[in-house]
């Protein structure tokens, strides 16, 4: 069977999104996955939609204060894992909070 060499990406995906290694290291943990699952279990509906009188299932957990706003690794960890810094959102509300264009609007 012939060998096919994989083409390596020239850009780092973290650089493209503006996030850094510390950010990914904090969210790529069992602790974060458990906290996220617990928070969604306690808040199954989008909190922004609820405030607007709509009933929409939550799909995302949003950090109210950005993790990267912490000056030290300890501050970033506190922001990442604090339930007081979280909000359950649907995909549309999460995209809106991040200023992303809703993909449904493009169709």
C-alpha atoms as a PDB file:
ATOM      1  CA  UNK A   1       0.000   0.000   0.000  1.00  0.00           C
ATOM      2  CA  UNK A   2       1.454   3.407  -0.898  1.00  0.00           C
ATOM      3  CA  UNK A   3       2.397   5.857   1.801  1.00  0.00           C
ATOM      4  CA  UNK A   4       0.486   9.137   1.774  1.00  0.00           C
ATOM      5  CA  UNK A   5       2.135  11.928   3.664  1.00  0.00           C
ATOM      6  CA  UNK A   6      -0.223  14.150   5.601  1.00  0.00           C
ATOM      7  CA  UNK A   7       0.000  17.809   4.846  1.00  0.00           C
ATOM      8  CA  UNK A   8       0.794  19.716   8.014  1.00  0.00           C
ATOM      9  CA  UNK A   9      -1.151  22.844   8.732  1.00  0.00           C
ATOM     10  CA  UNK A  10       0.833  26.021   8.457  1.00  0.00           C
ATOM     11  CA  UNK A  11      -1.148  27.873  11.098  1.00  0.00           C
ATOM     12  CA  UNK A  12      -1.895  26.880  14.648  1.00  0.00           C
ATOM     13  CA  UNK A  13      -5.662  26.687  15.273  1.00  0.00           C
ATOM     14  CA  UNK A  14      -5.188  28.385  18.657  1.00  0.00           C
ATOM     15  CA  UNK A  15      -3.639  31.391  16.978  1.00  0.00           C
ATOM     16  CA  UNK A  16      -6.533  31.563  14.536  1.00  0.00           C
ATOM     17  CA  UNK A  17      -9.150  31.728  17.266  1.00  0.00           C
ATOM     18  CA  UNK A  18      -7.120  34.064  19.453  1.00  0.00           C
ATOM     19  CA  UNK A  19      -7.027  31.575  22.311  1.00  0.00           C
ATOM     20  CA  UNK A  20      -3.927  30.242  23.957  1.00  0.00           C
ATOM     21  CA  UNK A  21      -2.634  26.976  25.355  1.00  0.00           C
ATOM     22  CA  UNK A  22      -3.615  27.797  28.936  1.00  0.00           C
ATOM     23  CA  UNK A  23      -7.223  28.297  27.843  1.00  0.00           C
ATOM     24  CA  UNK A  24      -7.371  24.914  26.129  1.00  0.00           C
ATOM     25  CA  UNK A  25      -5.594  23.221  29.021  1.00  0.00           C
ATOM     26  CA  UNK A  26      -8.232  24.497  31.475  1.00  0.00           C
ATOM     27  CA  UNK A  27     -11.188  23.410  29.350  1.00  0.00           C
ATOM     28  CA  UNK A  28      -9.755  20.089  28.253  1.00  0.00           C
ATOM     29  CA  UNK A  29     -10.078  18.504  31.677  1.00  0.00           C
ATOM     30  CA  UNK A  30     -12.375  16.099  33.419  1.00  0.00           C
ATOM     31  CA  UNK A  31     -13.043  18.815  36.010  1.00  0.00           C
ATOM     32  CA  UNK A  32     -14.445  21.173  33.341  1.00  0.00           C
ATOM     33  CA  UNK A  33     -16.503  18.449  31.631  1.00  0.00           C
ATOM     34  CA  UNK A  34     -18.042  17.455  34.984  1.00  0.00           C
ATOM     35  CA  UNK A  35     -18.761  21.080  35.937  1.00  0.00           C
ATOM     36  CA  UNK A  36     -20.280  21.764  32.512  1.00  0.00           C
ATOM     37  CA  UNK A  37     -22.511  18.674  32.711  1.00  0.00           C
ATOM     38  CA  UNK A  38     -23.588  19.542  36.256  1.00  0.00           C
ATOM     39  CA  UNK A  39     -24.381  23.139  35.297  1.00  0.00           C
ATOM     40  CA  UNK A  40     -26.439  22.080  32.263  1.00  0.00           C
ATOM     41  CA  UNK A  41     -28.309  19.541  34.416  1.00  0.00           C
ATOM     42  CA  UNK A  42     -29.171  22.295  36.905  1.00  0.00           C
ATOM     43  CA  UNK A  43     -29.969  24.837  34.148  1.00  0.00           C
ATOM     44  CA  UNK A  44     -31.488  22.879  31.240  1.00  0.00           C
ATOM     45  CA  UNK A  45     -32.954  25.993  29.594  1.00  0.00           C
ATOM     46  CA  UNK A  46     -31.143  28.923  28.021  1.00  0.00           C
ATOM     47  CA  UNK A  47     -30.960  31.620  30.678  1.00  0.00           C
ATOM     48  CA  UNK A  48     -31.013  34.487  28.139  1.00  0.00           C
ATOM     49  CA  UNK A  49     -34.084  33.067  26.382  1.00  0.00           C
ATOM     50  CA  UNK A  50     -35.832  32.545  29.721  1.00  0.00           C
ATOM     51  CA  UNK A  51     -35.238  36.206  30.572  1.00  0.00           C
ATOM     52  CA  UNK A  52     -36.866  37.120  27.239  1.00  0.00           C
ATOM     53  CA  UNK A  53     -39.865  34.835  27.869  1.00  0.00           C
ATOM     54  CA  UNK A  54     -38.805  32.011  25.515  1.00  0.00           C
ATOM     55  CA  UNK A  55     -38.233  28.340  26.315  1.00  0.00           C
ATOM     56  CA  UNK A  56     -35.116  27.027  24.569  1.00  0.00           C
ATOM     57  CA  UNK A  57     -32.898  24.119  25.625  1.00  0.00           C
ATOM     58  CA  UNK A  58     -29.401  25.118  26.712  1.00  0.00           C
ATOM     59  CA  UNK A  59     -26.543  23.620  24.708  1.00  0.00           C
ATOM     60  CA  UNK A  60     -23.574  25.726  25.770  1.00  0.00           C
ATOM     61  CA  UNK A  61     -22.053  26.921  29.020  1.00  0.00           C
ATOM     62  CA  UNK A  62     -20.736  30.467  28.719  1.00  0.00           C
ATOM     63  CA  UNK A  63     -18.186  32.157  30.975  1.00  0.00           C
ATOM     64  CA  UNK A  64     -19.498  35.602  31.929  1.00  0.00           C
ATOM     65  CA  UNK A  65     -15.989  36.905  32.623  1.00  0.00           C
ATOM     66  CA  UNK A  66     -13.536  35.594  30.054  1.00  0.00           C
ATOM     67  CA  UNK A  67     -11.041  33.062  31.341  1.00  0.00           C
ATOM     68  CA  UNK A  68      -8.189  34.848  29.595  1.00  0.00           C
ATOM     69  CA  UNK A  69      -8.912  38.047  31.512  1.00  0.00           C
ATOM     70  CA  UNK A  70      -7.188  36.474  34.512  1.00  0.00           C
ATOM     71  CA  UNK A  71      -3.669  37.833  34.962  1.00  0.00           C
ATOM     72  CA  UNK A  72      -2.249  34.662  36.494  1.00  0.00           C
ATOM     73  CA  UNK A  73      -2.835  30.946  36.033  1.00  0.00           C
ATOM     74  CA  UNK A  74      -4.622  30.832  39.406  1.00  0.00           C
ATOM     75  CA  UNK A  75      -6.977  33.654  38.411  1.00  0.00           C
ATOM     76  CA  UNK A  76      -7.697  31.939  35.091  1.00  0.00           C
ATOM     77  CA  UNK A  77      -8.453  28.691  36.916  1.00  0.00           C
ATOM     78  CA  UNK A  78     -10.786  30.475  39.328  1.00  0.00           C
ATOM     79  CA  UNK A  79     -12.680  32.046  36.416  1.00  0.00           C
ATOM     80  CA  UNK A  80     -12.851  28.769  34.503  1.00  0.00           C
ATOM     81  CA  UNK A  81     -14.228  26.642  37.324  1.00  0.00           C
ATOM     82  CA  UNK A  82     -16.424  29.074  39.253  1.00  0.00           C
ATOM     83  CA  UNK A  83     -20.144  28.236  38.912  1.00  0.00           C
ATOM     84  CA  UNK A  84     -20.873  31.915  39.617  1.00  0.00           C
ATOM     85  CA  UNK A  85     -19.093  32.790  36.369  1.00  0.00           C
ATOM     86  CA  UNK A  86     -21.240  30.486  34.207  1.00  0.00           C
ATOM     87  CA  UNK A  87     -24.428  30.915  32.207  1.00  0.00           C
ATOM     88  CA  UNK A  88     -26.357  28.216  30.305  1.00  0.00           C
ATOM     89  CA  UNK A  89     -27.146  29.340  26.756  1.00  0.00           C
ATOM     90  CA  UNK A  90     -28.595  27.998  23.543  1.00  0.00           C
ATOM     91  CA  UNK A  91     -26.292  28.055  20.506  1.00  0.00           C
ATOM     92  CA  UNK A  92     -27.906  31.213  19.089  1.00  0.00           C
ATOM     93  CA  UNK A  93     -27.518  33.179  22.325  1.00  0.00           C
ATOM     94  CA  UNK A  94     -23.961  31.934  22.758  1.00  0.00           C
ATOM     95  CA  UNK A  95     -23.047  33.048  19.239  1.00  0.00           C
ATOM     96  CA  UNK A  96     -24.732  36.398  19.861  1.00  0.00           C
ATOM     97  CA  UNK A  97     -22.698  36.935  23.043  1.00  0.00           C
ATOM     98  CA  UNK A  98     -19.531  36.298  21.090  1.00  0.00           C
ATOM     99  CA  UNK A  99     -20.630  38.464  18.173  1.00  0.00           C
ATOM    100  CA  UNK A 100     -20.741  35.597  15.713  1.00  0.00           C
ATOM    101  CA  UNK A 101     -23.165  35.509  12.815  1.00  0.00           C
ATOM    102  CA  UNK A 102     -25.917  32.946  13.194  1.00  0.00           C
ATOM    103  CA  UNK A 103     -25.405  30.303  10.521  1.00  0.00           C
ATOM    104  CA  UNK A 104     -29.178  29.999   9.991  1.00  0.00           C
ATOM    105  CA  UNK A 105     -29.275  33.599   8.809  1.00  0.00           C
ATOM    106  CA  UNK A 106     -26.789  32.806   6.049  1.00  0.00           C
ATOM    107  CA  UNK A 107     -29.033  30.165   4.445  1.00  0.00           C
END
